Structures are given as C-alpha cells and as structure tokens.
Amino acid sequence: MAIDKLIIFGGSFNPIHNGHLKSAAVINKILEAPVFFLPNIVPPYKSKLTATPIQRLEMLQLAIKSNPNFAVNTLELFADEYYYTHKTLTLLRSQYGSKVPFYFILGFDSLINLNTWEYYHDIFNLTNLIVINRHGYNYNDISDTKLKQEILNRQTNNFEQTAISGNIYLLSPDIYYDVSSTQIRAMIKAGENIVNLVPPEVALYIKNNNLYLT
C-alpha cells in the first residue's frame, strides 16, 4: 500500500502507555495518516532501561495490535548505534522518498530544547513537527532567541496546509494525558495499580514478566 503521509512517533516506550496511544489516535484522526511507532535503543543521555528491546517491542505490539492505523518500525531498535533524530529521518526519507509529507511527534518540553539536538536545522528540511503541548509551557520557556523566532515563523494550526516538511503544528494541551513511563515504573515498584494507565494486555505482560520491580 502506497503511503501519501507518514506520522512518526519515536521514544523508549518503557513501557508504552495510554498517553502515547491517545496522542497518536488524535493525530491520526486529524491527518488521516498511519502512525509509525519507532522504539529506540538506549539513548546516550539515559541510564540503562530495565526492559529489554524485545520486551519493549512486544509490549508495543500488544498495545497497537487492534488499531490498523498504527504500526511499529524497528529501524532504531536493533541498530548497532544510537540514531539521532536527523539520521532516523534521513533513513526514512531514503525509504519513502522526498515527496511524502512527514510529521514527527514531540512534546513541548523537547521543542524548547530543540537547538541542543544534533543537526537540528536539518530536521526542518526532513519533516514537519507536531508538538504536544502541556499546561504550564509557553514560548517564553525557549531561551535561545534564534530558535524561538524560527519556531514562531514556522508555526501553523492549519492542517489543511499540507507541506512535505518545515511546518510546526502546536496541539492543544487538552489532548495531553498526564502520565509518564517513569511514573508508571515507579508505581509498579511501589506495588500500585497501573490498570488504568496502560492497555490491559500490557499490564498483563508486565506482570507475567516481572518487569519494573527493582
């Protein structure tokens, strides 16, 4: 099946949770395009993850199996090295071509530090950005004035304005689901119930594999 638009959702997914899935579903509905979840290997700025790459992949597959609009791409997960975002996008461009609009999901907390990403200017030439806003964040949190101006110049809320790359779409904080993988792991370690925070299949997988107990 030919793809005429592609939504890319990267992360550790350690574990995948309902916040990830809600955000992906909202964006899928807006753009009417498939969402590719890209689980990564351990980023250099994070400590070793407690779930193995295979376990994170299996949880992700369980979480999305009933949604035909979601798929998993393992480009980063089994790579020999950590892929920075610009490299991942470049490799995906080589696969899907230069004419397919890309939409890369990130949080506002990542957007305000975009200037610290490797070759971040290349990212604007490779993809559009879809920013999931959170209450309490705003453009005043961007300390780099050049980055702030570039973001303001690229921002649009008009999803009818299709672009191959370069646009920044800011979504309402109302779609943000206030839960994190870090919080979920802490809850499991403390013996608390996570049944409403992850899909049932993921909760069962975590229990059966004794994940996040230490």
Protein backbone atom coordinates (compact mmCIF):
# COMPACT_ATOMS: atom_id res chain seq x y z
CA MET A 1 0.00 0.00 0.00
CA ALA A 2 1.37 3.39 -1.00
CA ILE A 3 1.78 5.93 1.80
CA ASP A 4 1.00 9.54 0.99
CA LYS A 5 1.61 10.91 4.52
CA LEU A 6 3.51 9.48 7.48
CA ILE A 7 3.30 10.23 11.20
CA ILE A 8 6.40 9.25 13.18
CA PHE A 9 6.30 8.70 16.94
CA GLY A 10 9.65 7.89 18.48
CA GLY A 11 10.56 7.08 22.07
CA SER A 12 11.74 4.47 24.54
CA PHE A 13 8.17 3.26 25.22
CA ASN A 14 9.35 1.82 28.51
CA PRO A 15 6.50 0.94 28.77
CA ILE A 16 4.02 2.13 26.14
CA HIS A 17 1.06 3.74 27.95
CA ASN A 18 -2.36 5.22 27.31
CA GLY A 19 -0.93 8.72 26.96
CA HIS A 20 1.13 7.64 23.96
CA LEU A 21 -1.87 5.90 22.43
CA LYS A 22 -4.29 8.78 23.00
CA SER A 23 -1.95 11.31 21.42
CA ALA A 24 -1.31 9.04 18.44
CA ALA A 25 -5.03 8.44 17.94
CA VAL A 26 -5.83 12.16 17.96
CA ILE A 27 -3.09 12.96 15.45
CA ASN A 28 -4.06 10.02 13.25
CA LYS A 29 -7.64 11.31 13.14
CA ILE A 30 -6.54 14.86 12.26
CA LEU A 31 -4.14 13.88 9.49
CA GLU A 32 -5.77 10.64 8.31
CA ALA A 33 -2.34 9.05 8.04
CA PRO A 34 -0.70 5.99 9.60
CA VAL A 35 1.33 6.35 12.79
CA PHE A 36 4.69 4.60 12.89
CA PHE A 37 5.94 3.98 16.42
CA LEU A 38 9.76 3.93 16.46
CA PRO A 39 11.10 2.41 19.68
CA ASN A 40 14.74 3.35 20.13
CA ILE A 41 17.78 1.79 21.69
CA VAL A 42 19.01 3.30 24.95
CA PRO A 43 19.69 6.99 24.29
CA PRO A 44 23.15 8.14 25.45
CA TYR A 45 21.58 10.56 27.94
CA LYS A 46 19.52 7.86 29.70
CA SER A 47 20.55 5.12 32.08
CA LYS A 48 20.13 1.50 31.04
CA LEU A 49 16.49 0.56 30.58
CA THR A 50 15.08 -2.21 32.75
CA ALA A 51 13.04 -3.79 29.95
CA THR A 52 14.95 -5.37 27.07
CA PRO A 53 14.48 -4.13 23.48
CA ILE A 54 12.46 -7.27 22.71
CA GLN A 55 10.21 -6.72 25.73
CA ARG A 56 9.57 -3.09 24.83
CA LEU A 57 8.79 -4.15 21.27
CA GLU A 58 6.41 -6.90 22.39
CA MET A 59 4.54 -4.51 24.71
CA LEU A 60 4.23 -2.02 21.88
CA GLN A 61 2.94 -4.67 19.50
CA LEU A 62 0.35 -5.77 22.07
CA ALA A 63 -0.78 -2.18 22.62
CA ILE A 64 -1.40 -1.38 18.93
CA LYS A 65 -2.48 -4.74 17.52
CA SER A 66 -6.17 -3.80 17.33
CA ASN A 67 -5.59 -0.49 15.54
CA PRO A 68 -4.95 -0.84 11.78
CA ASN A 69 -3.73 2.77 11.65
CA PHE A 70 -0.78 2.03 13.93
CA ALA A 71 2.41 0.17 13.04
CA VAL A 72 5.85 -0.44 14.54
CA ASN A 73 9.08 0.41 12.76
CA THR A 74 12.21 -1.18 14.30
CA LEU A 75 14.72 0.92 12.37
CA GLU A 76 16.27 2.29 15.56
CA LEU A 77 15.61 -0.55 18.00
CA PHE A 78 18.09 -3.08 16.65
CA ALA A 79 20.65 -0.65 15.24
CA ASP A 80 24.31 -1.04 16.19
CA GLU A 81 24.40 2.54 17.40
CA TYR A 82 22.05 5.19 18.73
CA TYR A 83 20.39 7.13 15.91
CA TYR A 84 19.88 10.82 16.45
CA THR A 85 16.62 12.13 15.02
CA HIS A 86 18.11 13.66 11.90
CA LYS A 87 19.69 10.30 10.95
CA THR A 88 16.47 8.38 11.51
CA LEU A 89 14.54 10.86 9.37
CA THR A 90 17.18 10.74 6.66
CA LEU A 91 16.95 6.93 6.54
CA LEU A 92 13.16 7.07 6.40
CA ARG A 93 13.37 9.61 3.60
CA SER A 94 15.57 7.21 1.64
CA GLN A 95 12.85 4.59 2.09
CA TYR A 96 9.73 6.66 1.40
CA GLY A 97 11.09 9.34 -0.90
CA SER A 98 11.38 13.12 -0.81
CA LYS A 99 7.77 13.90 -1.72
CA VAL A 100 5.90 12.23 1.17
CA PRO A 101 4.90 14.65 3.96
CA PHE A 102 6.43 13.55 7.27
CA TYR A 103 5.03 14.54 10.67
CA PHE A 104 7.28 13.94 13.68
CA ILE A 105 5.63 13.96 17.12
CA LEU A 106 7.39 15.54 20.09
CA GLY A 107 6.47 17.24 23.35
CA PHE A 108 6.72 20.97 24.02
CA ASP A 109 9.41 20.20 26.59
CA SER A 110 11.52 18.81 23.74
CA LEU A 111 10.69 21.68 21.40
CA ILE A 112 12.10 24.32 23.73
CA ASN A 113 15.44 22.48 23.71
CA LEU A 114 15.48 21.68 20.01
CA ASN A 115 18.66 23.71 19.50
CA THR A 116 20.55 21.11 21.57
CA TRP A 117 19.64 18.30 19.12
CA GLU A 118 22.34 17.16 16.71
CA TYR A 119 21.96 18.91 13.32
CA TYR A 120 18.61 20.26 14.41
CA HIS A 121 18.34 22.59 11.40
CA ASP A 122 18.32 19.53 9.14
CA ILE A 123 15.18 18.32 10.89
CA PHE A 124 13.14 21.20 9.46
CA ASN A 125 14.14 20.05 5.96
CA LEU A 126 13.18 16.45 6.66
CA THR A 127 9.84 16.64 8.48
CA ASN A 128 7.04 18.71 9.90
CA LEU A 129 6.83 18.79 13.68
CA ILE A 130 3.66 18.06 15.64
CA VAL A 131 4.08 19.41 19.14
CA ILE A 132 2.01 18.03 22.01
CA ASN A 133 1.67 20.97 24.35
CA ARG A 134 1.38 20.69 28.11
CA HIS A 135 -0.22 23.10 30.55
CA GLY A 136 2.41 25.35 32.07
CA TYR A 137 4.65 25.55 29.00
CA ASN A 138 4.84 28.51 26.63
CA TYR A 139 7.22 30.18 24.18
CA ASN A 140 8.83 32.19 26.97
CA ASP A 141 10.44 28.92 28.07
CA ILE A 142 12.60 28.97 24.92
CA SER A 143 15.85 30.61 25.98
CA ASP A 144 17.51 30.59 22.55
CA THR A 145 16.15 33.65 20.74
CA LYS A 146 17.01 32.37 17.24
CA LEU A 147 15.23 29.09 17.89
CA LYS A 148 12.24 30.92 19.34
CA GLN A 149 11.89 33.12 16.26
CA GLU A 150 12.29 30.18 13.90
CA ILE A 151 9.59 28.24 15.72
CA LEU A 152 7.23 31.22 15.64
CA ASN A 153 7.87 31.68 11.92
CA ARG A 154 7.13 28.03 11.18
CA GLN A 155 4.11 27.56 13.42
CA THR A 156 0.71 26.96 11.87
CA ASN A 157 -2.54 25.44 13.09
CA ASN A 158 -3.82 24.87 9.56
CA PHE A 159 -3.62 21.13 8.94
CA GLU A 160 -5.22 21.68 5.56
CA GLN A 161 -1.96 23.35 4.54
CA THR A 162 -0.04 20.25 3.50
CA ALA A 163 3.73 20.55 3.45
CA ILE A 164 6.40 17.92 2.92
CA SER A 165 8.43 19.39 5.79
CA GLY A 166 9.18 22.59 7.68
CA ASN A 167 5.89 23.36 9.44
CA ILE A 168 5.34 23.22 13.19
CA TYR A 169 1.85 22.33 14.41
CA LEU A 170 1.04 23.02 18.06
CA LEU A 171 -1.73 20.86 19.51
CA SER A 172 -3.93 21.86 22.41
CA PRO A 173 -2.86 20.87 25.93
CA ASP A 174 -6.29 19.27 26.25
CA ILE A 175 -5.10 16.16 24.39
CA TYR A 176 -2.21 15.69 26.81
CA TYR A 177 -2.66 12.63 29.04
CA ASP A 178 -0.86 13.34 32.29
CA VAL A 179 1.10 10.13 32.76
CA SER A 180 4.67 9.12 32.02
CA SER A 181 6.57 5.86 31.70
CA THR A 182 8.77 6.99 34.59
CA GLN A 183 5.69 7.41 36.80
CA ILE A 184 4.35 4.01 35.78
CA ARG A 185 7.61 2.24 36.57
CA ALA A 186 7.70 3.90 39.99
CA MET A 187 4.13 2.83 40.67
CA ILE A 188 4.90 -0.79 39.75
CA LYS A 189 7.95 -0.79 42.01
CA ALA A 190 5.77 0.55 44.83
CA GLY A 191 3.14 -2.14 44.25
CA GLU A 192 0.49 0.30 42.98
CA ASN A 193 -2.18 -0.49 40.39
CA ILE A 194 -1.49 0.70 36.82
CA VAL A 195 -4.56 -0.87 35.22
CA ASN A 196 -5.96 2.48 34.03
CA LEU A 197 -2.64 3.76 32.69
CA VAL A 198 -1.69 1.06 30.18
CA PRO A 199 -3.67 -1.29 27.92
CA PRO A 200 -4.77 -4.48 29.72
CA GLU A 201 -2.51 -6.64 27.52
CA VAL A 202 0.49 -4.52 28.50
CA ALA A 203 -0.38 -4.66 32.21
CA LEU A 204 -0.60 -8.47 31.99
CA TYR A 205 2.70 -8.68 30.09
CA ILE A 206 4.44 -6.57 32.73
CA LYS A 207 3.04 -8.77 35.49
CA ASN A 208 3.89 -12.07 33.77
CA ASN A 209 7.45 -10.93 33.06
CA ASN A 210 8.05 -9.34 36.48
CA LEU A 211 9.09 -6.05 34.89
CA TYR A 212 9.98 -2.85 36.76
CA LEU A 213 10.02 -4.43 40.21
CA THR A 214 13.54 -3.29 41.04
